[in-house]
Amino acid sequence: MKTAWFKVLTIALLLTLPTLGVAQTQKTRTGTEKTLVGYISDDSCGLQHTPGMDEVTCTLACAKNGKFVLADRAHKLVYNLDKTGQEKAREFAGMKVKVRGRLSGKTMRVTSIEAAA
């Protein structure tokens, strides 16, 4: 009796394991791409730069000891940029941009950055 019950449980487990893997894969890929508009800033200044400095100079100076971020001044939010975003952000320092990518919490997994009008 125990052997038959064990066989049933084993078969049930073998049938459900593949679907568990699929569910996990789908769950991690559910994030849809978003476009956020804001300014490329640095994690030290965030939404506001040092008074008396222009945004480009301040962003580049502060990012030397920190990281680039996307500052959404309209909503008063600051988003971290992933490694790809860090590389792409330098050329847009202090500028208003559109950042496209997947948002994971407060971090944007960047696919593209372009100047915003």
PDB file of N, CA and C in Angstrom:
ATOM      1  N   MET A   1       0.821  -1.185   0.000  1.00  0.00           N
ATOM      2  CA  MET A   1       0.000   0.000   0.000  1.00  0.00           C
ATOM      3  C   MET A   1       0.870   1.254   0.000  1.00  0.00           C
ATOM      4  N   LYS A   2       1.931   1.248   0.850  1.00  0.00           N
ATOM      5  CA  LYS A   2       2.831   2.392   0.906  1.00  0.00           C
ATOM      6  C   LYS A   2       3.552   2.591  -0.416  1.00  0.00           C
ATOM      7  N   THR A   3       3.906   1.517  -1.082  1.00  0.00           N
ATOM      8  CA  THR A   3       4.623   1.603  -2.346  1.00  0.00           C
ATOM      9  C   THR A   3       3.744   2.248  -3.418  1.00  0.00           C
ATOM     10  N   ALA A   4       2.482   1.877  -3.487  1.00  0.00           N
ATOM     11  CA  ALA A   4       1.571   2.458  -4.473  1.00  0.00           C
ATOM     12  C   ALA A   4       1.392   3.952  -4.209  1.00  0.00           C
ATOM     13  N   TRP A   5       1.236   4.318  -2.987  1.00  0.00           N
ATOM     14  CA  TRP A   5       1.066   5.726  -2.596  1.00  0.00           C
ATOM     15  C   TRP A   5       2.314   6.530  -2.946  1.00  0.00           C
ATOM     16  N   PHE A   6       3.485   5.932  -2.722  1.00  0.00           N
ATOM     17  CA  PHE A   6       4.750   6.576  -3.053  1.00  0.00           C
ATOM     18  C   PHE A   6       4.857   6.794  -4.565  1.00  0.00           C
ATOM     19  N   LYS A   7       4.436   5.800  -5.347  1.00  0.00           N
ATOM     20  CA  LYS A   7       4.474   5.915  -6.812  1.00  0.00           C
ATOM     21  C   LYS A   7       3.556   7.041  -7.286  1.00  0.00           C
ATOM     22  N   VAL A   8       2.382   7.157  -6.694  1.00  0.00           N
ATOM     23  CA  VAL A   8       1.434   8.213  -7.073  1.00  0.00           C
ATOM     24  C   VAL A   8       2.035   9.588  -6.766  1.00  0.00           C
ATOM     25  N   LEU A   9       2.621   9.726  -5.597  1.00  0.00           N
ATOM     26  CA  LEU A   9       3.244  11.001  -5.235  1.00  0.00           C
ATOM     27  C   LEU A   9       4.417  11.346  -6.139  1.00  0.00           C
ATOM     28  N   THR A  10       5.212  10.341  -6.480  1.00  0.00           N
ATOM     29  CA  THR A  10       6.363  10.557  -7.362  1.00  0.00           C
ATOM     30  C   THR A  10       5.905  11.022  -8.736  1.00  0.00           C
ATOM     31  N   ILE A  11       4.890  10.381  -9.289  1.00  0.00           N
ATOM     32  CA  ILE A  11       4.362  10.760 -10.602  1.00  0.00           C
ATOM     33  C   ILE A  11       3.778  12.174 -10.553  1.00  0.00           C
ATOM     34  N   ALA A  12       3.048  12.473  -9.494  1.00  0.00           N
ATOM     35  CA  ALA A  12       2.463  13.813  -9.357  1.00  0.00           C
ATOM     36  C   ALA A  12       3.568  14.872  -9.276  1.00  0.00           C
ATOM     37  N   LEU A  13       4.611  14.583  -8.548  1.00  0.00           N
ATOM     38  CA  LEU A  13       5.724  15.519  -8.421  1.00  0.00           C
ATOM     39  C   LEU A  13       6.421  15.713  -9.764  1.00  0.00           C
ATOM     40  N   LEU A  14       6.649  14.637 -10.476  1.00  0.00           N
ATOM     41  CA  LEU A  14       7.300  14.731 -11.781  1.00  0.00           C
ATOM     42  C   LEU A  14       6.459  15.525 -12.783  1.00  0.00           C
ATOM     43  N   LEU A  15       5.159  15.431 -12.679  1.00  0.00           N
ATOM     44  CA  LEU A  15       4.279  16.167 -13.592  1.00  0.00           C
ATOM     45  C   LEU A  15       4.197  17.654 -13.249  1.00  0.00           C
ATOM     46  N   THR A  16       4.367  18.002 -11.983  1.00  0.00           N
ATOM     47  CA  THR A  16       4.246  19.415 -11.596  1.00  0.00           C
ATOM     48  C   THR A  16       5.565  20.173 -11.648  1.00  0.00           C
ATOM     49  N   LEU A  17       6.702  19.516 -11.573  1.00  0.00           N
ATOM     50  CA  LEU A  17       7.989  20.200 -11.596  1.00  0.00           C
ATOM     51  C   LEU A  17       8.192  21.056 -12.848  1.00  0.00           C
ATOM     52  N   PRO A  18       7.909  20.540 -14.048  1.00  0.00           N
ATOM     53  CA  PRO A  18       8.104  21.374 -15.229  1.00  0.00           C
ATOM     54  C   PRO A  18       7.235  22.633 -15.214  1.00  0.00           C
ATOM     55  N   THR A  19       6.033  22.549 -14.689  1.00  0.00           N
ATOM     56  CA  THR A  19       5.171  23.732 -14.670  1.00  0.00           C
ATOM     57  C   THR A  19       5.635  24.738 -13.633  1.00  0.00           C
ATOM     58  N   LEU A  20       6.288  24.291 -12.568  1.00  0.00           N
ATOM     59  CA  LEU A  20       6.834  25.224 -11.588  1.00  0.00           C
ATOM     60  C   LEU A  20       7.930  26.067 -12.215  1.00  0.00           C
ATOM     61  N   GLY A  21       8.777  25.456 -13.029  1.00  0.00           N
ATOM     62  CA  GLY A  21       9.836  26.188 -13.723  1.00  0.00           C
ATOM     63  C   GLY A  21       9.272  27.215 -14.683  1.00  0.00           C
ATOM     64  N   VAL A  22       8.219  26.874 -15.393  1.00  0.00           N
ATOM     65  CA  VAL A  22       7.590  27.802 -16.324  1.00  0.00           C
ATOM     66  C   VAL A  22       6.992  28.973 -15.569  1.00  0.00           C
ATOM     67  N   ALA A  23       6.349  28.712 -14.458  1.00  0.00           N
ATOM     68  CA  ALA A  23       5.737  29.785 -13.679  1.00  0.00           C
ATOM     69  C   ALA A  23       6.793  30.761 -13.188  1.00  0.00           C
ATOM     70  N   GLN A  24       7.943  30.272 -12.752  1.00  0.00           N
ATOM     71  CA  GLN A  24       8.995  31.161 -12.284  1.00  0.00           C
ATOM     72  C   GLN A  24       9.543  32.000 -13.434  1.00  0.00           C
ATOM     73  N   THR A  25       9.735  31.396 -14.596  1.00  0.00           N
ATOM     74  CA  THR A  25      10.248  32.128 -15.744  1.00  0.00           C
ATOM     75  C   THR A  25       9.284  33.228 -16.144  1.00  0.00           C
ATOM     76  N   GLN A  26       8.011  32.941 -16.189  1.00  0.00           N
ATOM     77  CA  GLN A  26       7.025  33.941 -16.569  1.00  0.00           C
ATOM     78  C   GLN A  26       6.966  35.055 -15.538  1.00  0.00           C
ATOM     79  N   LYS A  27       7.099  34.712 -14.278  1.00  0.00           N
ATOM     80  CA  LYS A  27       7.018  35.706 -13.220  1.00  0.00           C
ATOM     81  C   LYS A  27       8.165  36.705 -13.323  1.00  0.00           C
ATOM     82  N   THR A  28       9.358  36.245 -13.652  1.00  0.00           N
ATOM     83  CA  THR A  28      10.498  37.154 -13.736  1.00  0.00           C
ATOM     84  C   THR A  28      10.455  38.000 -15.010  1.00  0.00           C
ATOM     85  N   ARG A  29       9.682  37.600 -15.989  1.00  0.00           N
ATOM     86  CA  ARG A  29       9.617  38.349 -17.235  1.00  0.00           C
ATOM     87  C   ARG A  29       8.350  39.196 -17.360  1.00  0.00           C
ATOM     88  N   THR A  30       7.614  39.366 -16.279  1.00  0.00           N
ATOM     89  CA  THR A  30       6.354  40.086 -16.362  1.00  0.00           C
ATOM     90  C   THR A  30       6.535  41.591 -16.469  1.00  0.00           C
ATOM     91  N   GLY A  31       7.679  42.127 -16.088  1.00  0.00           N
ATOM     92  CA  GLY A  31       7.888  43.570 -16.152  1.00  0.00           C
ATOM     93  C   GLY A  31       7.815  44.064 -17.583  1.00  0.00           C
ATOM     94  N   THR A  32       6.972  45.033 -17.826  1.00  0.00           N
ATOM     95  CA  THR A  32       6.857  45.591 -19.160  1.00  0.00           C
ATOM     96  C   THR A  32       7.747  46.813 -19.272  1.00  0.00           C
ATOM     97  N   GLU A  33       8.161  47.107 -20.485  1.00  0.00           N
ATOM     98  CA  GLU A  33       8.999  48.273 -20.693  1.00  0.00           C
ATOM     99  C   GLU A  33       8.201  49.541 -20.445  1.00  0.00           C
ATOM    100  N   LYS A  34       8.860  50.508 -19.837  1.00  0.00           N
ATOM    101  CA  LYS A  34       8.255  51.799 -19.553  1.00  0.00           C
ATOM    102  C   LYS A  34       9.172  52.886 -20.076  1.00  0.00           C
ATOM    103  N   THR A  35       8.595  54.038 -20.313  1.00  0.00           N
ATOM    104  CA  THR A  35       9.379  55.215 -20.659  1.00  0.00           C
ATOM    105  C   THR A  35       9.169  56.248 -19.569  1.00  0.00           C
ATOM    106  N   LEU A  36      10.254  56.680 -18.955  1.00  0.00           N
ATOM    107  CA  LEU A  36      10.208  57.707 -17.922  1.00  0.00           C
ATOM    108  C   LEU A  36      10.907  58.958 -18.450  1.00  0.00           C
ATOM    109  N   VAL A  37      10.370  60.112 -18.101  1.00  0.00           N
ATOM    110  CA  VAL A  37      10.965  61.382 -18.507  1.00  0.00           C
ATOM    111  C   VAL A  37      11.486  62.078 -17.264  1.00  0.00           C
ATOM    112  N   GLY A  38      12.702  62.587 -17.366  1.00  0.00           N
ATOM    113  CA  GLY A  38      13.309  63.288 -16.246  1.00  0.00           C
ATOM    114  C   GLY A  38      14.654  63.841 -16.647  1.00  0.00           C
ATOM    115  N   TYR A  39      15.473  64.115 -15.677  1.00  0.00           N
ATOM    116  CA  TYR A  39      16.797  64.689 -15.911  1.00  0.00           C
ATOM    117  C   TYR A  39      17.867  63.731 -15.427  1.00  0.00           C
ATOM    118  N   ILE A  40      18.939  63.605 -16.218  1.00  0.00           N
ATOM    119  CA  ILE A  40      20.069  62.807 -15.758  1.00  0.00           C
ATOM    120  C   ILE A  40      20.791  63.639 -14.699  1.00  0.00           C
ATOM    121  N   SER A  41      20.819  63.112 -13.504  1.00  0.00           N
ATOM    122  CA  SER A  41      21.437  63.777 -12.366  1.00  0.00           C
ATOM    123  C   SER A  41      22.407  62.788 -11.726  1.00  0.00           C
ATOM    124  N   ASP A  42      22.815  63.066 -10.520  1.00  0.00           N
ATOM    125  CA  ASP A  42      23.692  62.157  -9.784  1.00  0.00           C
ATOM    126  C   ASP A  42      23.049  61.821  -8.446  1.00  0.00           C
ATOM    127  N   ASP A  43      23.493  60.745  -7.825  1.00  0.00           N
ATOM    128  CA  ASP A  43      22.856  60.298  -6.582  1.00  0.00           C
ATOM    129  C   ASP A  43      23.137  61.210  -5.395  1.00  0.00           C
ATOM    130  N   SER A  44      24.093  62.101  -5.518  1.00  0.00           N
ATOM    131  CA  SER A  44      24.365  63.047  -4.450  1.00  0.00           C
ATOM    132  C   SER A  44      23.379  64.218  -4.484  1.00  0.00           C
ATOM    133  N   CYS A  45      23.132  64.759  -5.662  1.00  0.00           N
ATOM    134  CA  CYS A  45      22.237  65.919  -5.802  1.00  0.00           C
ATOM    135  C   CYS A  45      20.773  65.519  -5.975  1.00  0.00           C
ATOM    136  N   GLY A  46      20.527  64.447  -6.694  1.00  0.00           N
ATOM    137  CA  GLY A  46      19.152  63.998  -6.905  1.00  0.00           C
ATOM    138  C   GLY A  46      18.315  64.993  -7.668  1.00  0.00           C
ATOM    139  N   LEU A  47      17.300  65.558  -7.014  1.00  0.00           N
ATOM    140  CA  LEU A  47      16.361  66.466  -7.672  1.00  0.00           C
ATOM    141  C   LEU A  47      16.887  67.892  -7.816  1.00  0.00           C
ATOM    142  N   GLN A  48      17.815  68.319  -6.961  1.00  0.00           N
ATOM    143  CA  GLN A  48      18.328  69.691  -7.005  1.00  0.00           C
ATOM    144  C   GLN A  48      19.845  69.707  -6.974  1.00  0.00           C
ATOM    145  N   HIS A  49      20.417  70.539  -7.838  1.00  0.00           N
ATOM    146  CA  HIS A  49      21.877  70.664  -7.902  1.00  0.00           C
ATOM    147  C   HIS A  49      22.370  71.786  -7.004  1.00  0.00           C
ATOM    148  N   THR A  50      23.667  71.817  -6.831  1.00  0.00           N
ATOM    149  CA  THR A  50      24.320  72.834  -6.027  1.00  0.00           C
ATOM    150  C   THR A  50      24.032  74.222  -6.613  1.00  0.00           C
ATOM    151  N   PRO A  51      23.552  75.143  -5.813  1.00  0.00           N
ATOM    152  CA  PRO A  51      23.280  76.501  -6.314  1.00  0.00           C
ATOM    153  C   PRO A  51      24.551  77.139  -6.891  1.00  0.00           C
ATOM    154  N   GLY A  52      24.391  77.814  -8.017  1.00  0.00           N
ATOM    155  CA  GLY A  52      25.508  78.497  -8.648  1.00  0.00           C
ATOM    156  C   GLY A  52      26.247  77.658  -9.667  1.00  0.00           C
ATOM    157  N   MET A  53      25.960  76.376  -9.751  1.00  0.00           N
ATOM    158  CA  MET A  53      26.598  75.508 -10.753  1.00  0.00           C
ATOM    159  C   MET A  53      25.568  75.134 -11.806  1.00  0.00           C
ATOM    160  N   ASP A  54      26.025  75.054 -13.060  1.00  0.00           N
ATOM    161  CA  ASP A  54      25.078  74.580 -14.067  1.00  0.00           C
ATOM    162  C   ASP A  54      24.913  73.070 -13.915  1.00  0.00           C
ATOM    163  N   GLU A  55      23.799  72.561 -14.399  1.00  0.00           N
ATOM    164  CA  GLU A  55      23.441  71.155 -14.161  1.00  0.00           C
ATOM    165  C   GLU A  55      24.439  70.165 -14.745  1.00  0.00           C
ATOM    166  N   VAL A  56      24.967  70.462 -15.928  1.00  0.00           N
ATOM    167  CA  VAL A  56      25.909  69.538 -16.567  1.00  0.00           C
ATOM    168  C   VAL A  56      27.177  69.416 -15.730  1.00  0.00           C
ATOM    169  N   THR A  57      27.764  70.541 -15.371  1.00  0.00           N
ATOM    170  CA  THR A  57      29.009  70.550 -14.594  1.00  0.00           C
ATOM    171  C   THR A  57      28.817  69.874 -13.244  1.00  0.00           C
ATOM    172  N   CYS A  58      27.724  70.208 -12.565  1.00  0.00           N
ATOM    173  CA  CYS A  58      27.453  69.633 -11.248  1.00  0.00           C
ATOM    174  C   CYS A  58      27.254  68.123 -11.345  1.00  0.00           C
ATOM    175  N   THR A  59      26.458  67.685 -12.321  1.00  0.00           N
ATOM    176  CA  THR A  59      26.187  66.251 -12.479  1.00  0.00           C
ATOM    177  C   THR A  59      27.466  65.471 -12.739  1.00  0.00           C
ATOM    178  N   LEU A  60      28.287  65.958 -13.671  1.00  0.00           N
ATOM    179  CA  LEU A  60      29.533  65.252 -13.995  1.00  0.00           C
ATOM    180  C   LEU A  60      30.503  65.254 -12.814  1.00  0.00           C
ATOM    181  N   ALA A  61      30.582  66.357 -12.093  1.00  0.00           N
ATOM    182  CA  ALA A  61      31.492  66.430 -10.940  1.00  0.00           C
ATOM    183  C   ALA A  61      31.049  65.483  -9.828  1.00  0.00           C
ATOM    184  N   CYS A  62      29.767  65.492  -9.521  1.00  0.00           N
ATOM    185  CA  CYS A  62      29.275  64.647  -8.424  1.00  0.00           C
ATOM    186  C   CYS A  62      29.245  63.165  -8.797  1.00  0.00           C
ATOM    187  N   ALA A  63      29.019  62.865 -10.082  1.00  0.00           N
ATOM    188  CA  ALA A  63      28.956  61.463 -10.510  1.00  0.00           C
ATOM    189  C   ALA A  63      30.327  60.793 -10.469  1.00  0.00           C
ATOM    190  N   LYS A  64      31.406  61.584 -10.430  1.00  0.00           N
ATOM    191  CA  LYS A  64      32.746  60.990 -10.328  1.00  0.00           C
ATOM    192  C   LYS A  64      32.871  60.162  -9.058  1.00  0.00           C
ATOM    193  N   ASN A  65      32.216  60.612  -7.996  1.00  0.00           N
ATOM    194  CA  ASN A  65      32.261  59.912  -6.706  1.00  0.00           C
ATOM    195  C   ASN A  65      30.961  59.185  -6.396  1.00  0.00           C
ATOM    196  N   GLY A  66      30.086  59.089  -7.370  1.00  0.00           N
ATOM    197  CA  GLY A  66      28.794  58.438  -7.155  1.00  0.00           C
ATOM    198  C   GLY A  66      28.293  57.799  -8.423  1.00  0.00           C
ATOM    199  N   LYS A  67      26.994  57.913  -8.629  1.00  0.00           N
ATOM    200  CA  LYS A  67      26.366  57.295  -9.794  1.00  0.00           C
ATOM    201  C   LYS A  67      25.368  58.254 -10.414  1.00  0.00           C
ATOM    202  N   PHE A  68      25.066  58.001 -11.689  1.00  0.00           N
ATOM    203  CA  PHE A  68      24.024  58.750 -12.368  1.00  0.00           C
ATOM    204  C   PHE A  68      22.663  58.210 -11.954  1.00  0.00           C
ATOM    205  N   VAL A  69      21.678  59.102 -11.914  1.00  0.00           N
ATOM    206  CA  VAL A  69      20.299  58.725 -11.611  1.00  0.00           C
ATOM    207  C   VAL A  69      19.375  59.469 -12.564  1.00  0.00           C
ATOM    208  N   LEU A  70      18.129  59.043 -12.601  1.00  0.00           N
ATOM    209  CA  LEU A  70      17.103  59.766 -13.336  1.00  0.00           C
ATOM    210  C   LEU A  70      16.261  60.512 -12.313  1.00  0.00           C
ATOM    211  N   ALA A  71      16.231  61.830 -12.408  1.00  0.00           N
ATOM    212  CA  ALA A  71      15.469  62.659 -11.476  1.00  0.00           C
ATOM    213  C   ALA A  71      14.173  63.092 -12.159  1.00  0.00           C
ATOM    214  N   ASP A  72      13.058  62.551 -11.689  1.00  0.00           N
ATOM    215  CA  ASP A  72      11.739  62.915 -12.198  1.00  0.00           C
ATOM    216  C   ASP A  72      11.211  64.045 -11.321  1.00  0.00           C
ATOM    217  N   ARG A  73      11.490  65.265 -11.738  1.00  0.00           N
ATOM    218  CA  ARG A  73      11.139  66.432 -10.927  1.00  0.00           C
ATOM    219  C   ARG A  73       9.632  66.643 -10.836  1.00  0.00           C
ATOM    220  N   ALA A  74       8.914  66.267 -11.879  1.00  0.00           N
ATOM    221  CA  ALA A  74       7.455  66.446 -11.890  1.00  0.00           C
ATOM    222  C   ALA A  74       6.794  65.640 -10.779  1.00  0.00           C
ATOM    223  N   HIS A  75       7.309  64.431 -10.523  1.00  0.00           N
ATOM    224  CA  HIS A  75       6.734  63.555  -9.500  1.00  0.00           C
ATOM    225  C   HIS A  75       7.599  63.472  -8.244  1.00  0.00           C
ATOM    226  N   LYS A  76       8.700  64.226  -8.245  1.00  0.00           N
ATOM    227  CA  LYS A  76       9.629  64.255  -7.111  1.00  0.00           C
ATOM    228  C   LYS A  76      10.150  62.858  -6.743  1.00  0.00           C
ATOM    229  N   LEU A  77      10.576  62.132  -7.788  1.00  0.00           N
ATOM    230  CA  LEU A  77      11.112  60.783  -7.606  1.00  0.00           C
ATOM    231  C   LEU A  77      12.493  60.688  -8.236  1.00  0.00           C
ATOM    232  N   VAL A  78      13.338  59.867  -7.648  1.00  0.00           N
ATOM    233  CA  VAL A  78      14.673  59.620  -8.188  1.00  0.00           C
ATOM    234  C   VAL A  78      14.806  58.118  -8.423  1.00  0.00           C
ATOM    235  N   TYR A  79      15.228  57.756  -9.636  1.00  0.00           N
ATOM    236  CA  TYR A  79      15.391  56.349 -10.004  1.00  0.00           C
ATOM    237  C   TYR A  79      16.872  56.043 -10.214  1.00  0.00           C
ATOM    238  N   ASN A  80      17.321  54.921  -9.692  1.00  0.00           N
ATOM    239  CA  ASN A  80      18.673  54.444  -9.942  1.00  0.00           C
ATOM    240  C   ASN A  80      18.723  53.876 -11.352  1.00  0.00           C
ATOM    241  N   LEU A  81      19.891  53.934 -11.971  1.00  0.00           N
ATOM    242  CA  LEU A  81      20.084  53.368 -13.300  1.00  0.00           C
ATOM    243  C   LEU A  81      21.019  52.168 -13.189  1.00  0.00           C
ATOM    244  N   ASP A  82      20.726  51.123 -13.927  1.00  0.00           N
ATOM    245  CA  ASP A  82      21.577  49.927 -13.908  1.00  0.00           C
ATOM    246  C   ASP A  82      22.904  50.215 -14.611  1.00  0.00           C
ATOM    247  N   LYS A  83      23.723  49.201 -14.749  1.00  0.00           N
ATOM    248  CA  LYS A  83      25.059  49.357 -15.337  1.00  0.00           C
ATOM    249  C   LYS A  83      24.983  49.934 -16.752  1.00  0.00           C
ATOM    250  N   THR A  84      24.069  49.429 -17.556  1.00  0.00           N
ATOM    251  CA  THR A  84      23.902  49.945 -18.916  1.00  0.00           C
ATOM    252  C   THR A  84      23.497  51.410 -18.876  1.00  0.00           C
ATOM    253  N   GLY A  85      22.601  51.754 -17.967  1.00  0.00           N
ATOM    254  CA  GLY A  85      22.171  53.140 -17.809  1.00  0.00           C
ATOM    255  C   GLY A  85      23.312  54.054 -17.393  1.00  0.00           C
ATOM    256  N   GLN A  86      24.201  53.555 -16.528  1.00  0.00           N
ATOM    257  CA  GLN A  86      25.352  54.342 -16.102  1.00  0.00           C
ATOM    258  C   GLN A  86      26.233  54.701 -17.295  1.00  0.00           C
ATOM    259  N   GLU A  87      26.425  53.734 -18.174  1.00  0.00           N
ATOM    260  CA  GLU A  87      27.270  53.955 -19.347  1.00  0.00           C
ATOM    261  C   GLU A  87      26.631  54.953 -20.315  1.00  0.00           C
ATOM    262  N   LYS A  88      25.328  54.836 -20.523  1.00  0.00           N
ATOM    263  CA  LYS A  88      24.632  55.696 -21.480  1.00  0.00           C
ATOM    264  C   LYS A  88      24.349  57.088 -20.936  1.00  0.00           C
ATOM    265  N   ALA A  89      24.244  57.238 -19.631  1.00  0.00           N
ATOM    266  CA  ALA A  89      23.830  58.499 -19.021  1.00  0.00           C
ATOM    267  C   ALA A  89      24.872  59.601 -19.139  1.00  0.00           C
ATOM    268  N   ARG A  90      26.130  59.260 -19.176  1.00  0.00           N
ATOM    269  CA  ARG A  90      27.195  60.267 -19.175  1.00  0.00           C
ATOM    270  C   ARG A  90      26.997  61.315 -20.274  1.00  0.00           C
ATOM    271  N   GLU A  91      26.652  60.896 -21.467  1.00  0.00           N
ATOM    272  CA  GLU A  91      26.511  61.859 -22.568  1.00  0.00           C
ATOM    273  C   GLU A  91      25.274  62.751 -22.418  1.00  0.00           C
ATOM    274  N   PHE A  92      24.373  62.417 -21.486  1.00  0.00           N
ATOM    275  CA  PHE A  92      23.157  63.205 -21.266  1.00  0.00           C
ATOM    276  C   PHE A  92      23.160  63.906 -19.905  1.00  0.00           C
ATOM    277  N   ALA A  93      24.316  64.008 -19.277  1.00  0.00           N
ATOM    278  CA  ALA A  93      24.420  64.594 -17.934  1.00  0.00           C
ATOM    279  C   ALA A  93      23.758  65.967 -17.881  1.00  0.00           C
ATOM    280  N   GLY A  94      22.835  66.136 -16.919  1.00  0.00           N
ATOM    281  CA  GLY A  94      22.153  67.405 -16.716  1.00  0.00           C
ATOM    282  C   GLY A  94      21.030  67.701 -17.693  1.00  0.00           C
ATOM    283  N   MET A  95      20.808  66.823 -18.648  1.00  0.00           N
ATOM    284  CA  MET A  95      19.804  67.072 -19.687  1.00  0.00           C
ATOM    285  C   MET A  95      18.476  66.380 -19.378  1.00  0.00           C
ATOM    286  N   LYS A  96      17.408  66.919 -19.964  1.00  0.00           N
ATOM    287  CA  LYS A  96      16.103  66.278 -19.878  1.00  0.00           C
ATOM    288  C   LYS A  96      16.085  65.141 -20.884  1.00  0.00           C
ATOM    289  N   VAL A  97      15.682  63.954 -20.432  1.00  0.00           N
ATOM    290  CA  VAL A  97      15.748  62.759 -21.269  1.00  0.00           C
ATOM    291  C   VAL A  97      14.500  61.893 -21.145  1.00  0.00           C
ATOM    292  N   LYS A  98      14.383  60.970 -22.091  1.00  0.00           N
ATOM    293  CA  LYS A  98      13.417  59.874 -22.018  1.00  0.00           C
ATOM    294  C   LYS A  98      14.241  58.615 -21.826  1.00  0.00           C
ATOM    295  N   VAL A  99      13.949  57.884 -20.763  1.00  0.00           N
ATOM    296  CA  VAL A  99      14.659  56.638 -20.483  1.00  0.00           C
ATOM    297  C   VAL A  99      13.674  55.497 -20.648  1.00  0.00           C
ATOM    298  N   ARG A 100      14.046  54.533 -21.473  1.00  0.00           N
ATOM    299  CA  ARG A 100      13.192  53.380 -21.718  1.00  0.00           C
ATOM    300  C   ARG A 100      13.850  52.158 -21.107  1.00  0.00           C
ATOM    301  N   GLY A 101      13.034  51.333 -20.443  1.00  0.00           N
ATOM    302  CA  GLY A 101      13.551  50.111 -19.842  1.00  0.00           C
ATOM    303  C   GLY A 101      12.542  49.484 -18.910  1.00  0.00           C
ATOM    304  N   ARG A 102      12.991  48.529 -18.146  1.00  0.00           N
ATOM    305  CA  ARG A 102      12.127  47.835 -17.185  1.00  0.00           C
ATOM    306  C   ARG A 102      12.396  48.397 -15.793  1.00  0.00           C
ATOM    307  N   LEU A 103      11.319  48.734 -15.131  1.00  0.00           N
ATOM    308  CA  LEU A 103      11.415  49.294 -13.786  1.00  0.00           C
ATOM    309  C   LEU A 103      11.293  48.168 -12.770  1.00  0.00           C
ATOM    310  N   SER A 104      12.284  48.082 -11.887  1.00  0.00           N
ATOM    311  CA  SER A 104      12.291  47.084 -10.825  1.00  0.00           C
ATOM    312  C   SER A 104      12.489  47.834  -9.517  1.00  0.00           C
ATOM    313  N   GLY A 105      11.388  48.114  -8.834  1.00  0.00           N
ATOM    314  CA  GLY A 105      11.457  48.947  -7.635  1.00  0.00           C
ATOM    315  C   GLY A 105      11.816  50.362  -8.029  1.00  0.00           C
ATOM    316  N   LYS A 106      12.921  50.859  -7.512  1.00  0.00           N
ATOM    317  CA  LYS A 106      13.403  52.209  -7.850  1.00  0.00           C
ATOM    318  C   LYS A 106      14.597  52.156  -8.809  1.00  0.00           C
ATOM    319  N   THR A 107      14.832  50.996  -9.423  1.00  0.00           N
ATOM    320  CA  THR A 107      15.943  50.856 -10.362  1.00  0.00           C
ATOM    321  C   THR A 107      15.408  50.605 -11.763  1.00  0.00           C
ATOM    322  N   MET A 108      15.921  51.369 -12.718  1.00  0.00           N
ATOM    323  CA  MET A 108      15.531  51.221 -14.117  1.00  0.00           C
ATOM    324  C   MET A 108      16.586  50.393 -14.829  1.00  0.00           C
ATOM    325  N   ARG A 109      16.161  49.305 -15.441  1.00  0.00           N
ATOM    326  CA  ARG A 109      17.035  48.474 -16.261  1.00  0.00           C
ATOM    327  C   ARG A 109      16.941  49.043 -17.675  1.00  0.00           C
ATOM    328  N   VAL A 110      17.900  49.865 -18.030  1.00  0.00           N
ATOM    329  CA  VAL A 110      17.838  50.732 -19.198  1.00  0.00           C
ATOM    330  C   VAL A 110      18.084  49.996 -20.506  1.00  0.00           C
ATOM    331  N   THR A 111      17.197  50.265 -21.487  1.00  0.00           N
ATOM    332  CA  THR A 111      17.416  49.797 -22.853  1.00  0.00           C
ATOM    333  C   THR A 111      17.809  50.949 -23.758  1.00  0.00           C
ATOM    334  N   SER A 112      17.322  52.169 -23.449  1.00  0.00           N
ATOM    335  CA  SER A 112      17.723  53.330 -24.251  1.00  0.00           C
ATOM    336  C   SER A 112      17.523  54.625 -23.473  1.00  0.00           C
ATOM    337  N   ILE A 113      18.334  55.611 -23.845  1.00  0.00           N
ATOM    338  CA  ILE A 113      18.210  56.972 -23.324  1.00  0.00           C
ATOM    339  C   ILE A 113      18.295  57.896 -24.524  1.00  0.00           C
ATOM    340  N   GLU A 114      17.369  58.843 -24.589  1.00  0.00           N
ATOM    341  CA  GLU A 114      17.408  59.841 -25.662  1.00  0.00           C
ATOM    342  C   GLU A 114      16.971  61.188 -25.106  1.00  0.00           C
ATOM    343  N   ALA A 115      17.418  62.257 -25.779  1.00  0.00           N
ATOM    344  CA  ALA A 115      17.065  63.601 -25.341  1.00  0.00           C
ATOM    345  C   ALA A 115      15.554  63.781 -25.466  1.00  0.00           C
ATOM    346  N   ALA A 116      14.968  64.471 -24.497  1.00  0.00           N
ATOM    347  CA  ALA A 116      13.534  64.760 -24.524  1.00  0.00           C
ATOM    348  C   ALA A 116      13.326  66.202 -24.967  1.00  0.00           C
ATOM    349  N   ALA A 117      12.192  66.441 -25.584  1.00  0.00           N
ATOM    350  CA  ALA A 117      11.892  67.802 -26.062  1.00  0.00           C
ATOM    351  C   ALA A 117      11.480  68.701 -24.931  1.00  0.00           C
TER     352      ALA A 117
END
